[in-house]
Protein backbone atom coordinates (compact mmCIF):
# COMPACT_ATOMS: atom_id res chain seq x y z
CA MET A 1 24.77 -8.16 100.59
CA ALA A 2 23.96 -11.72 100.66
CA VAL A 3 22.06 -13.30 97.92
CA LYS A 4 18.33 -13.82 98.47
CA ASN A 5 16.97 -14.45 94.93
CA ARG A 6 18.52 -17.98 93.80
CA LEU A 7 16.48 -20.92 93.01
CA HIS A 8 14.77 -22.88 94.89
CA ARG A 9 12.49 -25.26 93.18
CA SER A 10 14.42 -28.15 94.35
CA GLU A 11 16.44 -28.74 97.51
CA LEU A 12 18.16 -31.94 97.56
CA ALA A 13 19.00 -33.89 101.27
CA VAL A 14 22.24 -35.65 101.48
CA PRO A 15 23.26 -37.45 104.67
CA GLY A 16 26.60 -36.37 105.61
CA SER A 17 27.73 -39.99 106.58
CA ASN A 18 27.37 -41.41 103.14
CA LYS A 19 30.60 -40.18 101.27
CA ARG A 20 29.02 -41.51 97.92
CA MET A 21 26.11 -39.41 98.02
CA LEU A 22 28.09 -36.30 98.98
CA GLU A 23 30.43 -36.80 95.57
CA LYS A 24 27.57 -37.51 93.56
CA ALA A 25 25.52 -34.37 94.91
CA PRO A 26 26.75 -31.42 92.88
CA ASP A 27 25.76 -33.11 89.84
CA ALA A 28 22.48 -33.97 90.80
CA GLY A 29 20.34 -31.25 89.02
CA ALA A 30 19.13 -29.76 92.33
CA ASP A 31 18.78 -25.52 92.67
CA VAL A 32 20.31 -26.44 96.60
CA VAL A 33 21.63 -29.22 98.03
CA PHE A 34 21.72 -29.34 101.91
CA LEU A 35 24.51 -31.66 103.52
CA ASP A 36 22.65 -33.15 106.07
CA LEU A 37 24.10 -33.79 109.96
CA GLU A 38 20.75 -33.65 111.76
CA ASP A 39 18.12 -36.64 111.18
CA ALA A 40 19.71 -38.49 108.50
CA VAL A 41 23.40 -39.01 110.63
CA ALA A 42 23.20 -41.65 113.73
CA PRO A 43 24.44 -40.31 117.07
CA ASP A 44 28.07 -42.39 116.92
CA ASP A 45 28.54 -41.20 113.19
CA LYS A 46 27.92 -36.70 113.70
CA ALA A 47 32.18 -36.20 114.19
CA GLN A 48 32.55 -38.29 110.65
CA ALA A 49 30.03 -36.70 108.90
CA ARG A 50 31.64 -32.94 109.92
CA LEU A 51 34.57 -34.73 108.40
CA ASN A 52 32.94 -36.09 105.27
CA ILE A 53 31.18 -32.65 104.45
CA ILE A 54 34.54 -30.83 104.77
CA ASP A 55 36.18 -32.84 102.24
CA ALA A 56 33.25 -32.47 99.87
CA LEU A 57 33.02 -28.65 100.35
CA ASN A 58 36.84 -28.58 99.67
CA GLY A 59 37.07 -31.30 96.87
CA CYS A 60 33.72 -31.04 95.20
CA ASP A 61 32.79 -28.31 92.60
CA TRP A 62 29.42 -26.65 93.91
CA SER A 63 29.41 -23.95 90.73
CA LYS A 64 26.24 -25.86 89.58
CA CYS A 65 24.05 -25.20 92.80
CA ALA A 66 23.60 -23.38 96.19
CA VAL A 67 25.11 -25.40 98.87
CA SER A 68 24.01 -25.77 102.52
CA ILE A 69 24.12 -27.73 105.87
CA ARG A 70 21.58 -28.90 108.00
CA MET A 71 22.96 -28.55 111.75
CA ASN A 72 22.28 -30.38 114.36
CA GLY A 73 19.28 -28.69 116.10
CA LEU A 74 20.05 -26.23 119.23
CA ASP A 75 18.99 -28.73 121.88
CA THR A 76 21.85 -30.97 120.97
CA HIS A 77 25.33 -30.60 122.50
CA TYR A 78 26.13 -31.28 118.17
CA ALA A 79 24.91 -27.92 117.14
CA TYR A 80 27.75 -25.43 118.09
CA ARG A 81 30.33 -28.18 116.96
CA ASP A 82 28.63 -28.67 113.39
CA LEU A 83 29.20 -24.47 113.09
CA VAL A 84 32.42 -24.12 114.45
CA GLU A 85 34.09 -27.10 112.75
CA ILE A 86 32.68 -26.77 109.12
CA VAL A 87 32.26 -22.94 108.93
CA GLU A 88 35.67 -22.24 110.14
CA VAL A 89 37.13 -24.28 107.43
CA CYS A 90 34.64 -24.13 104.58
CA GLY A 91 32.43 -20.78 105.28
CA ASP A 92 33.33 -19.64 102.02
CA LYS A 93 32.35 -22.32 100.40
CA LEU A 94 28.86 -22.10 102.01
CA ASP A 95 25.50 -20.10 100.57
CA THR A 96 23.06 -20.99 103.88
CA ILE A 97 22.80 -22.64 106.90
CA LEU A 98 19.63 -24.53 107.52
CA ILE A 99 18.56 -24.71 111.41
CA PRO A 100 16.19 -27.27 112.45
CA LYS A 101 13.18 -27.34 114.70
CA VAL A 102 13.49 -23.38 115.11
CA GLY A 103 10.93 -22.53 117.64
CA SER A 104 11.44 -18.65 118.08
CA ALA A 105 13.44 -15.53 116.89
CA ALA A 106 16.18 -16.38 119.78
CA ASP A 107 17.49 -19.26 118.01
CA VAL A 108 17.70 -17.71 114.81
CA TYR A 109 19.74 -14.68 116.68
CA PHE A 110 22.18 -17.45 118.11
CA VAL A 111 22.98 -18.82 115.08
CA SER A 112 23.54 -15.44 113.22
CA THR A 113 25.53 -14.46 116.19
CA LEU A 114 27.74 -17.30 115.96
CA LEU A 115 28.26 -17.08 112.11
CA SER A 116 29.04 -13.11 112.53
CA GLN A 117 32.06 -13.72 114.45
CA ILE A 118 33.38 -16.75 112.43
CA GLU A 119 32.83 -14.51 109.57
CA GLU A 120 35.23 -11.68 111.14
CA ALA A 121 37.65 -13.94 112.62
CA LYS A 122 38.21 -15.59 108.80
CA GLY A 123 36.92 -12.93 106.40
CA TYR A 124 33.97 -14.61 105.20
CA LYS A 125 31.10 -13.20 103.25
CA LEU A 126 28.24 -13.30 104.97
CA ILE A 127 26.26 -16.49 104.90
CA ASN A 128 22.42 -16.68 105.01
CA ILE A 129 19.97 -18.28 107.28
CA HIS A 130 17.33 -20.91 106.19
CA VAL A 131 14.87 -21.71 109.01
CA LEU A 132 12.64 -25.17 109.44
CA ILE A 133 9.52 -24.83 110.71
CA GLU A 134 8.52 -28.08 111.92
CA THR A 135 7.22 -27.83 115.70
CA ALA A 136 3.95 -26.44 117.07
CA MET A 137 6.07 -23.57 118.42
CA GLY A 138 7.92 -22.64 115.28
CA MET A 139 4.75 -22.23 113.99
CA ALA A 140 2.87 -20.24 116.81
CA ASN A 141 5.95 -17.83 116.30
CA VAL A 142 6.37 -18.15 112.80
CA GLU A 143 5.74 -14.19 111.67
CA GLU A 144 8.38 -13.51 114.76
CA ILE A 145 10.85 -15.89 113.28
CA ALA A 146 10.27 -14.58 109.78
CA ARG A 147 10.91 -11.10 110.29
CA CYS A 148 14.15 -11.57 112.41
CA CYS A 149 17.51 -11.09 111.25
CA PRO A 150 16.81 -9.94 108.09
CA GLU A 151 20.27 -9.29 106.55
CA ARG A 152 20.51 -13.10 106.70
CA MET A 153 16.84 -14.76 106.57
CA GLU A 154 16.22 -15.97 103.06
CA ALA A 155 13.95 -19.11 103.25
CA MET A 156 11.53 -21.25 105.42
CA VAL A 157 11.09 -24.71 104.75
CA PHE A 158 7.59 -26.47 106.23
CA GLY A 159 9.20 -29.69 108.19
CA VAL A 160 6.03 -31.93 107.67
CA ALA A 161 7.30 -35.20 109.59
CA ASP A 162 8.19 -33.75 112.90
CA TYR A 163 5.63 -31.06 112.99
CA ALA A 164 2.98 -34.13 112.50
CA ALA A 165 4.91 -35.04 115.38
CA SER A 166 4.71 -32.21 117.52
CA VAL A 167 1.10 -31.65 117.04
CA ARG A 168 0.09 -34.93 117.57
CA ALA A 169 -1.39 -35.30 114.21
CA ARG A 170 -2.88 -38.82 113.29
CA THR A 171 -0.52 -40.08 110.71
CA ILE A 172 1.88 -42.08 109.52
CA ASN A 173 3.06 -40.80 106.25
CA ILE A 174 5.83 -38.06 105.52
CA GLY A 175 3.79 -35.85 103.66
CA GLY A 176 1.19 -36.50 101.09
CA SER A 177 -2.53 -37.33 101.52
CA ASN A 178 -4.39 -38.89 104.51
CA PRO A 179 -7.68 -40.89 103.92
CA ASP A 180 -8.68 -39.77 107.20
CA TYR A 181 -9.02 -36.73 106.40
CA GLY A 182 -11.82 -35.47 104.23
CA MET A 183 -15.51 -34.39 104.10
CA LEU A 184 -18.96 -36.07 103.15
CA THR A 185 -21.20 -34.47 100.76
CA ASP A 186 -24.67 -34.12 101.68
CA PRO A 187 -26.83 -37.35 100.71
CA ASP A 188 -28.33 -37.44 96.88
CA GLU A 189 -31.42 -38.45 96.31
CA ALA A 190 -30.51 -42.08 96.39
CA GLY A 191 -29.08 -41.33 100.14
CA ARG A 192 -25.36 -41.79 98.82
CA ARG A 193 -22.75 -39.54 99.82
CA ASP A 194 -19.31 -38.89 98.21
CA PHE A 195 -16.19 -38.46 100.75
CA HIS A 196 -13.55 -36.21 99.56
CA TRP A 197 -10.02 -36.32 100.41
CA GLY A 198 -8.38 -32.73 101.90
CA ASP A 199 -5.35 -31.76 102.67
CA GLN A 200 -4.10 -31.93 106.09
CA TRP A 201 -1.12 -29.50 106.30
CA HIS A 202 -2.85 -26.37 104.12
CA PHE A 203 -2.92 -24.80 107.18
CA GLY A 204 0.06 -25.04 108.48
CA ILE A 205 1.77 -24.64 104.93
CA SER A 206 -0.36 -21.34 103.90
CA ARG A 207 0.30 -20.08 107.56
CA MET A 208 4.13 -20.11 106.77
CA VAL A 209 3.78 -18.95 103.27
CA ALA A 210 1.90 -15.45 104.38
CA ALA A 211 4.62 -15.09 107.07
CA CYS A 212 7.36 -15.71 104.28
CA ARG A 213 5.98 -13.28 101.77
CA ALA A 214 5.01 -10.40 104.51
CA TYR A 215 8.94 -10.33 105.40
CA GLY A 216 10.76 -11.12 102.14
CA LEU A 217 11.92 -14.84 102.76
CA ARG A 218 11.33 -17.91 100.20
CA PRO A 219 8.68 -20.45 100.72
CA ILE A 220 9.42 -24.01 100.55
CA ASP A 221 7.29 -27.41 101.06
CA GLY A 222 9.57 -30.33 102.76
CA PRO A 223 9.64 -33.62 102.21
CA PHE A 224 7.47 -36.18 100.39
CA GLY A 225 8.44 -39.32 102.47
CA ASP A 226 7.77 -42.22 99.30
CA PHE A 227 9.86 -41.74 96.86
CA ASN A 228 8.62 -44.61 94.70
CA ASP A 229 5.62 -42.80 94.12
CA PRO A 230 6.28 -39.80 91.69
CA ASP A 231 2.70 -39.23 91.17
CA GLY A 232 2.13 -38.43 94.99
CA PHE A 233 4.83 -36.36 94.87
CA ARG A 234 3.69 -33.98 92.04
CA ALA A 235 0.17 -33.68 93.58
CA ALA A 236 2.08 -32.69 96.88
CA ALA A 237 4.16 -30.78 94.95
CA TYR A 238 1.74 -29.00 92.72
CA ARG A 239 -0.83 -28.53 96.28
CA ALA A 240 2.15 -26.57 97.59
CA ALA A 241 3.17 -24.60 94.71
CA ALA A 242 -0.70 -23.33 94.52
CA LEU A 243 -0.24 -21.88 97.99
CA GLY A 244 2.50 -20.09 97.13
CA CYS A 245 5.64 -22.23 97.59
CA GLU A 246 8.35 -22.02 95.18
CA GLY A 247 10.16 -25.60 95.55
CA LYS A 248 10.19 -28.63 97.66
CA TRP A 249 12.38 -30.76 99.10
CA ALA A 250 14.00 -33.49 97.47
CA ILE A 251 15.06 -36.98 100.02
CA HIS A 252 16.12 -39.01 96.48
CA PRO A 253 17.83 -37.77 93.74
CA SER A 254 14.95 -39.03 91.54
CA GLN A 255 12.70 -36.22 93.25
CA VAL A 256 14.89 -33.43 91.91
CA ALA A 257 13.64 -33.66 88.35
CA LEU A 258 9.95 -33.95 89.77
CA ALA A 259 10.22 -30.90 91.84
CA ASN A 260 11.82 -28.75 89.01
CA GLU A 261 9.16 -29.71 86.86
CA VAL A 262 6.66 -28.56 88.99
CA PHE A 263 8.07 -25.19 90.30
CA THR A 264 8.97 -24.43 86.69
CA PRO A 265 6.16 -22.10 84.94
CA THR A 266 5.11 -24.31 81.62
CA GLU A 267 4.96 -22.60 78.36
CA LYS A 268 1.47 -21.61 78.35
CA GLU A 269 2.33 -19.71 81.74
CA VAL A 270 5.19 -17.88 80.13
CA THR A 271 3.47 -17.42 76.91
CA ARG A 272 0.76 -15.51 79.03
CA ALA A 273 3.22 -13.77 81.13
CA TYR A 274 4.51 -11.91 78.13
CA ARG A 275 1.41 -11.27 76.34
CA ILE A 276 0.11 -9.59 80.07
CA LEU A 277 3.17 -7.32 79.97
CA GLU A 278 2.60 -6.32 76.50
CA SER A 279 -1.18 -5.59 76.86
CA MET A 280 -0.67 -3.31 79.50
CA GLU A 281 1.80 -1.37 78.07
CA GLN A 282 0.05 -0.86 75.15
CA ALA A 283 -2.53 0.04 77.54
CA ALA A 284 -0.45 2.34 79.53
CA ARG A 285 0.69 4.14 76.20
CA GLU A 286 -3.46 4.55 75.61
CA GLY A 287 -3.89 5.85 79.02
CA LYS A 288 -6.03 2.82 80.04
CA GLY A 289 -5.73 1.23 83.58
CA ALA A 290 -7.12 -2.18 82.75
CA VAL A 291 -7.54 -3.80 79.85
CA SER A 292 -9.19 -7.20 78.82
CA LEU A 293 -7.15 -10.60 77.72
CA ASP A 294 -8.68 -13.50 76.01
CA GLY A 295 -12.05 -12.19 77.45
CA ARG A 296 -10.37 -11.68 81.25
CA LEU A 297 -9.52 -8.10 82.98
CA ILE A 298 -6.11 -8.08 83.70
CA ASP A 299 -4.68 -4.77 85.80
CA ALA A 300 -1.71 -4.30 87.88
CA ALA A 301 -2.09 -7.17 90.05
CA SER A 302 -1.91 -9.19 86.69
CA ILE A 303 1.52 -7.48 85.91
CA ARG A 304 2.80 -8.39 89.15
CA MET A 305 1.84 -11.80 88.99
CA ALA A 306 3.49 -11.79 85.12
CA GLU A 307 6.38 -10.33 86.40
CA ASN A 308 6.90 -13.03 89.00
CA VAL A 309 6.28 -15.54 86.02
CA VAL A 310 9.09 -14.10 83.87
CA ARG A 311 11.78 -13.07 86.58
CA GLN A 312 12.00 -17.01 87.66
CA VAL A 313 12.11 -17.80 83.96
CA LYS A 314 15.16 -15.44 83.64
CA GLN A 315 16.73 -17.13 86.39
CA ILE A 316 16.22 -20.61 85.13
CA GLU A 317 17.36 -19.69 81.64
CA SER A 318 20.54 -17.41 83.59
CA ARG A 319 21.62 -20.98 85.61
CA SER A 320 21.14 -23.22 82.66
CA SER A 321 23.59 -21.01 80.35
């Protein structure tokens, strides 16, 4: 059975065409590293990037993180060679395959079928699949995609840049805020009105998160383009976390620590989670279905939320050790 509960706080993108970055990637501190063959690699460099990735997978120690490759889109002639050339040689080193621009379940079935043939021929264990939801078609079919291939599907990623292009959103930023997206308050007594910025990507992320949680997948937020703006990255990551995402892409090594920080429960959250579980255990011994803690009601739903926090903390502690 493939692993489905790995940490995804930070997912570092590493261009397959950059040997130096490939060598450094295993020690970057990311929970997941994906070696990119798609957007980060020019067409003339695709073949060499595959060779670079094969060398990195065979020559580096990947025990500190999960490792994936982002293959080229299924609408290109590079895609099948990405799978055949790399997975045949290094399938035992890979945890997942990341499929870009997934538009329907058929895209996932195609990759899964090819992986099954390679795994059987080479005797490899099952390799999981991550999908990028980054087109209007993918978002329209997000529930269908989420429930296909349950034996392989692990996570969905919201690809904000291509999604913006696909729906023709009026923005030039890769993630983050948009000063044109907001609302005016009603006029006050002096006729003044305040303008409050909103989150342009709230709907897209929320819909993907709901599909993921309905079918047991892990929702991940995609890139934040300005890697010189750590505060902007944190703000975007906190918004995604508030909506239910459990990790975010890092397109630069400096963003890894930021993602790990945001998606790691705080000491206050952990303490409260343990107190909730202790209080509910006491209530169960006393035959009570719900109790009050610090003036607030806690019940069965509180237990589930607290258990999620404790489970993640134990994963982080296990990885650190």
